[in-house]
Amino acid sequence: MTDDDKKKHEPEAPANDTEPVAAEAANAEPTDADRIAKLEADVAEARDRMLRAMAETENVRRRLEREREDTARYAISRFAGDMLTVADNLRRALDAVPATAIEKDEFLAKLVNGVGATEKTLLSALEKHGVKKLDPTGQKFDPNFHEVLFEMDAPDQPAGTVVQVLEAGYTIGDRLLRPARVAAAKGGPAA
């Protein structure tokens, strides 16, 4: 008898009783504990997504509020920049009239007073809206606020000190609207 023949005639061994149970368990419904664990995981995930969405919404709200404030604060920048030319021209008109001529001519004195009042009113209105005039005379040159047009000898001033303002500078809020155009000291004692 061959080995194959022996296998054919041997009685079959009983099937493993654990295999059908394992198969049934795989196909069976999940237990209550499994369902609770899955639901708790789903709730935790949903809560995390909700908290992230709320945080993102709050960040967007803050950013929009900040942008709205900036827009309100700096909306007049372009208009204010155009008005600076008017202020400069009023100042030039006042500076062009010699003091001796004002003393001799009453009409000219009234005209100069009127132009001076107009300049003062314009600057006051600009300041009311956050536009401030810079007067850097005697200050150290700051490239963030000043533009040096030329250097001049000023032996009594340290090098880099603003000795003359040729055109006033202005800020709006905390931003530079126009740099002051200045002359800086060329030499002198060290700062």
C-alpha atoms as a PDB file:
ATOM      1  CA  MET A   1       0.000   0.000   0.000  1.00  0.00           C
ATOM      2  CA  THR A   2       1.270   3.359  -0.942  1.00  0.00           C
ATOM      3  CA  ASP A   3       1.150   6.437   1.157  1.00  0.00           C
ATOM      4  CA  ASP A   4      -1.643   7.854  -0.987  1.00  0.00           C
ATOM      5  CA  ASP A   5      -3.701   4.750  -0.476  1.00  0.00           C
ATOM      6  CA  LYS A   6      -3.159   4.935   3.269  1.00  0.00           C
ATOM      7  CA  LYS A   7      -4.393   8.521   3.356  1.00  0.00           C
ATOM      8  CA  LYS A   8      -7.495   7.556   1.422  1.00  0.00           C
ATOM      9  CA  HIS A   9      -8.409   4.823   3.870  1.00  0.00           C
ATOM     10  CA  GLU A  10      -7.609   6.665   7.094  1.00  0.00           C
ATOM     11  CA  PRO A  11     -10.581   8.138   8.806  1.00  0.00           C
ATOM     12  CA  GLU A  12     -10.745  11.896   8.563  1.00  0.00           C
ATOM     13  CA  ALA A  13      -9.740  13.814  11.630  1.00  0.00           C
ATOM     14  CA  PRO A  14     -12.478  15.877  13.168  1.00  0.00           C
ATOM     15  CA  ALA A  15     -12.464  19.518  12.028  1.00  0.00           C
ATOM     16  CA  ASN A  16     -11.022  22.136  14.341  1.00  0.00           C
ATOM     17  CA  ASP A  17     -13.906  23.427  16.429  1.00  0.00           C
ATOM     18  CA  THR A  18     -12.344  26.934  16.822  1.00  0.00           C
ATOM     19  CA  GLU A  19     -12.349  27.761  13.112  1.00  0.00           C
ATOM     20  CA  PRO A  20     -16.132  28.160  12.750  1.00  0.00           C
ATOM     21  CA  VAL A  21     -16.288  30.243  15.921  1.00  0.00           C
ATOM     22  CA  ALA A  22     -13.575  32.606  14.629  1.00  0.00           C
ATOM     23  CA  ALA A  23     -15.353  32.908  11.285  1.00  0.00           C
ATOM     24  CA  GLU A  24     -18.645  33.600  13.015  1.00  0.00           C
ATOM     25  CA  ALA A  25     -17.006  36.223  15.251  1.00  0.00           C
ATOM     26  CA  ALA A  26     -15.581  38.003  12.199  1.00  0.00           C
ATOM     27  CA  ASN A  27     -18.998  38.134  10.594  1.00  0.00           C
ATOM     28  CA  ALA A  28     -20.829  38.934  13.827  1.00  0.00           C
ATOM     29  CA  GLU A  29     -22.125  42.361  14.827  1.00  0.00           C
ATOM     30  CA  PRO A  30     -19.722  44.574  16.804  1.00  0.00           C
ATOM     31  CA  THR A  31     -20.204  44.539  20.521  1.00  0.00           C
ATOM     32  CA  ASP A  32     -21.620  47.458  22.464  1.00  0.00           C
ATOM     33  CA  ALA A  33     -18.158  48.313  23.794  1.00  0.00           C
ATOM     34  CA  ASP A  34     -16.806  48.474  20.221  1.00  0.00           C
ATOM     35  CA  ARG A  35     -19.663  50.724  19.126  1.00  0.00           C
ATOM     36  CA  ILE A  36     -19.180  53.011  22.151  1.00  0.00           C
ATOM     37  CA  ALA A  37     -15.448  53.284  21.503  1.00  0.00           C
ATOM     38  CA  LYS A  38     -16.062  54.117  17.821  1.00  0.00           C
ATOM     39  CA  LEU A  39     -18.698  56.722  18.718  1.00  0.00           C
ATOM     40  CA  GLU A  40     -16.418  58.300  21.327  1.00  0.00           C
ATOM     41  CA  ALA A  41     -13.624  58.488  18.753  1.00  0.00           C
ATOM     42  CA  ASP A  42     -16.031  60.093  16.254  1.00  0.00           C
ATOM     43  CA  VAL A  43     -17.193  62.614  18.872  1.00  0.00           C
ATOM     44  CA  ALA A  44     -13.597  63.477  19.789  1.00  0.00           C
ATOM     45  CA  GLU A  45     -12.729  63.976  16.122  1.00  0.00           C
ATOM     46  CA  ALA A  46     -15.822  66.121  15.518  1.00  0.00           C
ATOM     47  CA  ARG A  47     -15.056  68.197  18.635  1.00  0.00           C
ATOM     48  CA  ASP A  48     -11.479  68.732  17.460  1.00  0.00           C
ATOM     49  CA  ARG A  49     -12.697  69.860  14.013  1.00  0.00           C
ATOM     50  CA  MET A  50     -15.246  72.195  15.628  1.00  0.00           C
ATOM     51  CA  LEU A  51     -12.637  73.775  17.931  1.00  0.00           C
ATOM     52  CA  ARG A  52     -10.264  74.281  15.004  1.00  0.00           C
ATOM     53  CA  ALA A  53     -13.047  75.844  12.926  1.00  0.00           C
ATOM     54  CA  MET A  54     -13.981  78.165  15.796  1.00  0.00           C
ATOM     55  CA  ALA A  55     -10.339  79.204  16.241  1.00  0.00           C
ATOM     56  CA  GLU A  56      -9.984  79.861  12.508  1.00  0.00           C
ATOM     57  CA  THR A  57     -13.194  81.918  12.516  1.00  0.00           C
ATOM     58  CA  GLU A  58     -11.908  83.990  15.433  1.00  0.00           C
ATOM     59  CA  ASN A  59      -8.589  84.554  13.646  1.00  0.00           C
ATOM     60  CA  VAL A  60     -10.391  85.693  10.490  1.00  0.00           C
ATOM     61  CA  ARG A  61     -12.614  88.009  12.548  1.00  0.00           C
ATOM     62  CA  ARG A  62      -9.581  89.590  14.242  1.00  0.00           C
ATOM     63  CA  ARG A  63      -7.737  90.001  10.936  1.00  0.00           C
ATOM     64  CA  LEU A  64     -10.771  91.649   9.309  1.00  0.00           C
ATOM     65  CA  GLU A  65     -11.206  93.960  12.296  1.00  0.00           C
ATOM     66  CA  ARG A  66      -7.541  94.977  12.076  1.00  0.00           C
ATOM     67  CA  GLU A  67      -7.853  95.561   8.313  1.00  0.00           C
ATOM     68  CA  ARG A  68     -11.010  97.626   8.855  1.00  0.00           C
ATOM     69  CA  GLU A  69      -9.222  99.793  11.426  1.00  0.00           C
ATOM     70  CA  ASP A  70      -6.235 100.249   9.100  1.00  0.00           C
ATOM     71  CA  THR A  71      -8.524 101.153   6.220  1.00  0.00           C
ATOM     72  CA  ALA A  72     -10.331 103.727   8.340  1.00  0.00           C
ATOM     73  CA  ARG A  73      -7.058 105.137   9.671  1.00  0.00           C
ATOM     74  CA  TYR A  74      -5.178 105.301   6.378  1.00  0.00           C
ATOM     75  CA  ALA A  75      -7.997 105.851   3.885  1.00  0.00           C
ATOM     76  CA  ILE A  76      -7.195 109.539   3.569  1.00  0.00           C
ATOM     77  CA  SER A  77      -3.497 108.961   2.858  1.00  0.00           C
ATOM     78  CA  ARG A  78      -3.784 109.728  -0.823  1.00  0.00           C
ATOM     79  CA  PHE A  79      -5.931 112.813  -0.260  1.00  0.00           C
ATOM     80  CA  ALA A  80      -3.687 114.002   2.574  1.00  0.00           C
ATOM     81  CA  GLY A  81      -0.643 113.570   0.346  1.00  0.00           C
ATOM     82  CA  ASP A  82      -2.260 115.815  -2.251  1.00  0.00           C
ATOM     83  CA  MET A  83      -3.090 118.410   0.423  1.00  0.00           C
ATOM     84  CA  LEU A  84       0.551 118.556   1.501  1.00  0.00           C
ATOM     85  CA  THR A  85       1.356 120.317  -1.759  1.00  0.00           C
ATOM     86  CA  VAL A  86      -1.208 122.991  -0.857  1.00  0.00           C
ATOM     87  CA  ALA A  87       0.357 123.379   2.598  1.00  0.00           C
ATOM     88  CA  ASP A  88       3.819 123.665   1.013  1.00  0.00           C
ATOM     89  CA  ASN A  89       2.623 126.366  -1.385  1.00  0.00           C
ATOM     90  CA  LEU A  90       1.014 128.341   1.443  1.00  0.00           C
ATOM     91  CA  ARG A  91       4.281 128.157   3.399  1.00  0.00           C
ATOM     92  CA  ARG A  92       6.284 129.275   0.327  1.00  0.00           C
ATOM     93  CA  ALA A  93       3.933 132.225  -0.143  1.00  0.00           C
ATOM     94  CA  LEU A  94       4.430 133.279   3.466  1.00  0.00           C
ATOM     95  CA  ASP A  95       8.209 132.865   3.281  1.00  0.00           C
ATOM     96  CA  ALA A  96       8.421 134.885   0.041  1.00  0.00           C
ATOM     97  CA  VAL A  97       7.112 138.080   1.607  1.00  0.00           C
ATOM     98  CA  PRO A  98       9.847 140.115   3.317  1.00  0.00           C
ATOM     99  CA  ALA A  99       9.094 141.283   6.854  1.00  0.00           C
ATOM    100  CA  THR A 100       9.936 144.887   5.935  1.00  0.00           C
ATOM    101  CA  ALA A 101       7.296 144.879   3.185  1.00  0.00           C
ATOM    102  CA  ILE A 102       4.641 143.652   5.639  1.00  0.00           C
ATOM    103  CA  GLU A 103       5.461 146.515   8.028  1.00  0.00           C
ATOM    104  CA  LYS A 104       5.128 149.131   5.258  1.00  0.00           C
ATOM    105  CA  ASP A 105       1.953 147.853   3.541  1.00  0.00           C
ATOM    106  CA  GLU A 106      -1.220 147.299   5.596  1.00  0.00           C
ATOM    107  CA  PHE A 107      -2.970 145.452   2.747  1.00  0.00           C
ATOM    108  CA  LEU A 108      -0.014 143.076   2.373  1.00  0.00           C
ATOM    109  CA  ALA A 109      -0.021 142.481   6.136  1.00  0.00           C
ATOM    110  CA  LYS A 110      -3.696 141.483   5.996  1.00  0.00           C
ATOM    111  CA  LEU A 111      -3.039 139.215   3.026  1.00  0.00           C
ATOM    112  CA  VAL A 112      -0.137 137.511   4.835  1.00  0.00           C
ATOM    113  CA  ASN A 113      -2.300 137.080   7.950  1.00  0.00           C
ATOM    114  CA  GLY A 114      -5.057 135.514   5.813  1.00  0.00           C
ATOM    115  CA  VAL A 115      -2.662 133.111   4.096  1.00  0.00           C
ATOM    116  CA  GLY A 116      -1.132 132.247   7.493  1.00  0.00           C
ATOM    117  CA  ALA A 117      -4.581 131.534   8.943  1.00  0.00           C
ATOM    118  CA  THR A 118      -5.421 129.357   5.936  1.00  0.00           C
ATOM    119  CA  GLU A 119      -2.206 127.381   6.391  1.00  0.00           C
ATOM    120  CA  LYS A 120      -2.891 126.964  10.103  1.00  0.00           C
ATOM    121  CA  THR A 121      -6.459 125.764   9.430  1.00  0.00           C
ATOM    122  CA  LEU A 122      -5.284 123.286   6.796  1.00  0.00           C
ATOM    123  CA  LEU A 123      -2.599 121.832   9.080  1.00  0.00           C
ATOM    124  CA  SER A 124      -5.082 121.668  11.953  1.00  0.00           C
ATOM    125  CA  ALA A 125      -7.592 119.766   9.786  1.00  0.00           C
ATOM    126  CA  LEU A 126      -4.889 117.345   8.647  1.00  0.00           C
ATOM    127  CA  GLU A 127      -3.755 116.810  12.240  1.00  0.00           C
ATOM    128  CA  LYS A 128      -7.345 116.133  13.309  1.00  0.00           C
ATOM    129  CA  HIS A 129      -7.279 113.192  10.882  1.00  0.00           C
ATOM    130  CA  GLY A 130      -3.947 111.813  12.120  1.00  0.00           C
ATOM    131  CA  VAL A 131      -1.538 113.676   9.809  1.00  0.00           C
ATOM    132  CA  LYS A 132       1.356 115.188  11.771  1.00  0.00           C
ATOM    133  CA  LYS A 133       4.129 117.462  10.591  1.00  0.00           C
ATOM    134  CA  LEU A 134       7.728 116.412  11.239  1.00  0.00           C
ATOM    135  CA  ASP A 135      10.276 119.019  12.329  1.00  0.00           C
ATOM    136  CA  PRO A 136      13.612 117.203  12.456  1.00  0.00           C
ATOM    137  CA  THR A 137      15.816 120.299  12.851  1.00  0.00           C
ATOM    138  CA  GLY A 138      18.674 119.445  15.201  1.00  0.00           C
ATOM    139  CA  GLN A 139      17.882 115.724  15.186  1.00  0.00           C
ATOM    140  CA  LYS A 140      20.128 112.928  13.971  1.00  0.00           C
ATOM    141  CA  PHE A 141      19.401 111.956  10.360  1.00  0.00           C
ATOM    142  CA  ASP A 142      16.965 109.014  10.205  1.00  0.00           C
ATOM    143  CA  PRO A 143      16.567 107.435   6.743  1.00  0.00           C
ATOM    144  CA  ASN A 144      13.119 106.167   7.772  1.00  0.00           C
ATOM    145  CA  PHE A 145      11.793 109.733   8.114  1.00  0.00           C
ATOM    146  CA  HIS A 146      14.265 112.016   6.321  1.00  0.00           C
ATOM    147  CA  GLU A 147      15.652 112.400   2.839  1.00  0.00           C
ATOM    148  CA  VAL A 148      18.989 114.225   2.627  1.00  0.00           C
ATOM    149  CA  LEU A 149      19.153 116.462  -0.415  1.00  0.00           C
ATOM    150  CA  PHE A 150      22.637 117.760   0.330  1.00  0.00           C
ATOM    151  CA  GLU A 151      25.265 118.094   3.038  1.00  0.00           C
ATOM    152  CA  MET A 152      26.491 121.422   4.288  1.00  0.00           C
ATOM    153  CA  ASP A 153      29.290 122.618   6.557  1.00  0.00           C
ATOM    154  CA  ALA A 154      28.106 123.082  10.112  1.00  0.00           C
ATOM    155  CA  PRO A 155      31.118 123.023  12.434  1.00  0.00           C
ATOM    156  CA  ASP A 156      28.926 123.456  15.521  1.00  0.00           C
ATOM    157  CA  GLN A 157      26.807 120.344  14.703  1.00  0.00           C
ATOM    158  CA  PRO A 158      27.793 116.658  14.746  1.00  0.00           C
ATOM    159  CA  ALA A 159      28.013 114.960  11.342  1.00  0.00           C
ATOM    160  CA  GLY A 160      24.666 113.599  10.178  1.00  0.00           C
ATOM    161  CA  THR A 161      22.584 116.119  12.134  1.00  0.00           C
ATOM    162  CA  VAL A 162      19.692 117.794  10.310  1.00  0.00           C
ATOM    163  CA  VAL A 163      20.606 121.485  10.077  1.00  0.00           C
ATOM    164  CA  GLN A 164      17.952 122.715   7.647  1.00  0.00           C
ATOM    165  CA  VAL A 165      14.498 121.479   6.615  1.00  0.00           C
ATOM    166  CA  LEU A 166      13.795 122.284   2.973  1.00  0.00           C
ATOM    167  CA  GLU A 167      10.428 120.535   2.828  1.00  0.00           C
ATOM    168  CA  ALA A 168       8.530 119.338   5.879  1.00  0.00           C
ATOM    169  CA  GLY A 169       7.816 115.662   6.318  1.00  0.00           C
ATOM    170  CA  TYR A 170       4.520 114.184   7.499  1.00  0.00           C
ATOM    171  CA  THR A 171       3.270 111.002   9.118  1.00  0.00           C
ATOM    172  CA  ILE A 172      -0.233 109.577   9.206  1.00  0.00           C
ATOM    173  CA  GLY A 173      -0.833 107.430  12.236  1.00  0.00           C
ATOM    174  CA  ASP A 174       2.395 105.477  12.609  1.00  0.00           C
ATOM    175  CA  ARG A 175       3.194 105.467   8.882  1.00  0.00           C
ATOM    176  CA  LEU A 176       5.338 107.875   6.919  1.00  0.00           C
ATOM    177  CA  LEU A 177       3.267 109.930   4.500  1.00  0.00           C
ATOM    178  CA  ARG A 178       6.164 111.950   3.108  1.00  0.00           C
ATOM    179  CA  PRO A 179       9.801 112.129   4.244  1.00  0.00           C
ATOM    180  CA  ALA A 180      11.232 115.456   5.323  1.00  0.00           C
ATOM    181  CA  ARG A 181      13.682 116.755   2.728  1.00  0.00           C
ATOM    182  CA  VAL A 182      16.639 118.062   4.668  1.00  0.00           C
ATOM    183  CA  ALA A 183      20.210 119.276   4.636  1.00  0.00           C
ATOM    184  CA  ALA A 184      22.543 117.418   6.962  1.00  0.00           C
ATOM    185  CA  ALA A 185      25.744 118.550   8.643  1.00  0.00           C
ATOM    186  CA  LYS A 186      28.836 117.409   6.773  1.00  0.00           C
ATOM    187  CA  GLY A 187      31.342 117.587   9.557  1.00  0.00           C
ATOM    188  CA  GLY A 188      31.931 118.908  13.004  1.00  0.00           C
ATOM    189  CA  PRO A 189      32.359 117.172  16.316  1.00  0.00           C
ATOM    190  CA  ALA A 190      31.615 113.469  16.589  1.00  0.00           C
ATOM    191  CA  ALA A 191      28.113 112.613  17.730  1.00  0.00           C
END
